[in-house]
């Protein structure tokens, strides 16, 4: 798997907040942003899998009468 470069233009306040969050975790801004993107992507894919499973098997809620 190769790597690519992504260049972003962000305002100064956002960059300062990213630096602060990254520093609290002992990470570079680049690593912090990448970790956040990967986590969000995983969360989205996981939720999609859960939704598809529920559609396939049903909601899983017992029917009470």
Protein backbone atom coordinates (compact mmCIF):
# COMPACT_ATOMS: atom_id res chain seq x y z
CA UNK A 1 0.00 0.00 0.00
CA UNK A 2 1.44 3.36 -1.02
CA UNK A 3 0.97 6.76 0.49
CA UNK A 4 -0.39 9.99 -0.90
CA UNK A 5 -0.27 13.60 0.19
CA UNK A 6 -3.35 15.56 1.21
CA UNK A 7 -2.96 19.28 1.64
CA UNK A 8 -5.51 21.24 3.65
CA UNK A 9 -6.06 24.92 4.16
CA UNK A 10 -7.50 25.57 7.63
CA UNK A 11 -7.83 28.65 9.75
CA UNK A 12 -5.36 29.45 12.52
CA UNK A 13 -7.78 28.76 15.40
CA UNK A 14 -8.59 25.27 14.15
CA UNK A 15 -4.91 24.47 13.70
CA UNK A 16 -4.20 25.64 17.25
CA UNK A 17 -6.97 23.40 18.59
CA UNK A 18 -5.63 20.45 16.59
CA UNK A 19 -2.13 21.09 17.95
CA UNK A 20 -3.50 21.22 21.49
CA UNK A 21 -5.44 17.95 21.14
CA UNK A 22 -2.49 16.24 19.46
CA UNK A 23 -0.04 17.43 22.12
CA UNK A 24 -2.24 16.08 24.91
CA UNK A 25 -1.86 12.66 23.31
CA UNK A 26 1.83 13.04 22.49
CA UNK A 27 1.12 12.97 18.76
CA UNK A 28 1.89 15.13 15.77
CA UNK A 29 -0.99 17.02 14.20
CA UNK A 30 -0.72 14.80 11.13
CA UNK A 31 -0.96 11.61 13.21
CA UNK A 32 -3.84 13.00 15.26
CA UNK A 33 -5.86 13.95 12.18
CA UNK A 34 -5.16 10.62 10.49
CA UNK A 35 -6.15 8.68 13.61
CA UNK A 36 -9.37 10.69 13.85
CA UNK A 37 -10.23 10.06 10.19
CA UNK A 38 -9.54 6.33 10.49
CA UNK A 39 -11.65 6.08 13.68
CA UNK A 40 -14.55 7.94 12.05
CA UNK A 41 -14.32 5.76 8.95
CA UNK A 42 -14.36 2.62 11.11
CA UNK A 43 -17.35 3.89 13.09
CA UNK A 44 -19.26 4.59 9.88
CA UNK A 45 -18.44 1.19 8.37
CA UNK A 46 -19.32 -0.58 11.62
CA UNK A 47 -22.69 1.20 11.85
CA UNK A 48 -23.42 0.29 8.23
CA UNK A 49 -22.67 -3.37 9.00
CA UNK A 50 -24.94 -3.27 12.05
CA UNK A 51 -27.75 -1.68 10.01
CA UNK A 52 -27.40 -4.29 7.26
CA UNK A 53 -27.40 -7.12 9.80
CA UNK A 54 -30.55 -5.77 11.44
CA UNK A 55 -32.26 -5.51 8.05
CA UNK A 56 -31.26 -9.07 7.21
CA UNK A 57 -32.20 -10.66 10.55
CA UNK A 58 -34.83 -8.17 11.69
CA UNK A 59 -34.60 -5.75 14.55
CA UNK A 60 -33.99 -8.45 17.13
CA UNK A 61 -36.66 -6.95 19.40
CA UNK A 62 -39.03 -9.60 20.71
CA UNK A 63 -42.64 -9.02 19.77
CA UNK A 64 -44.82 -8.67 22.85
CA UNK A 65 -48.55 -9.20 22.59
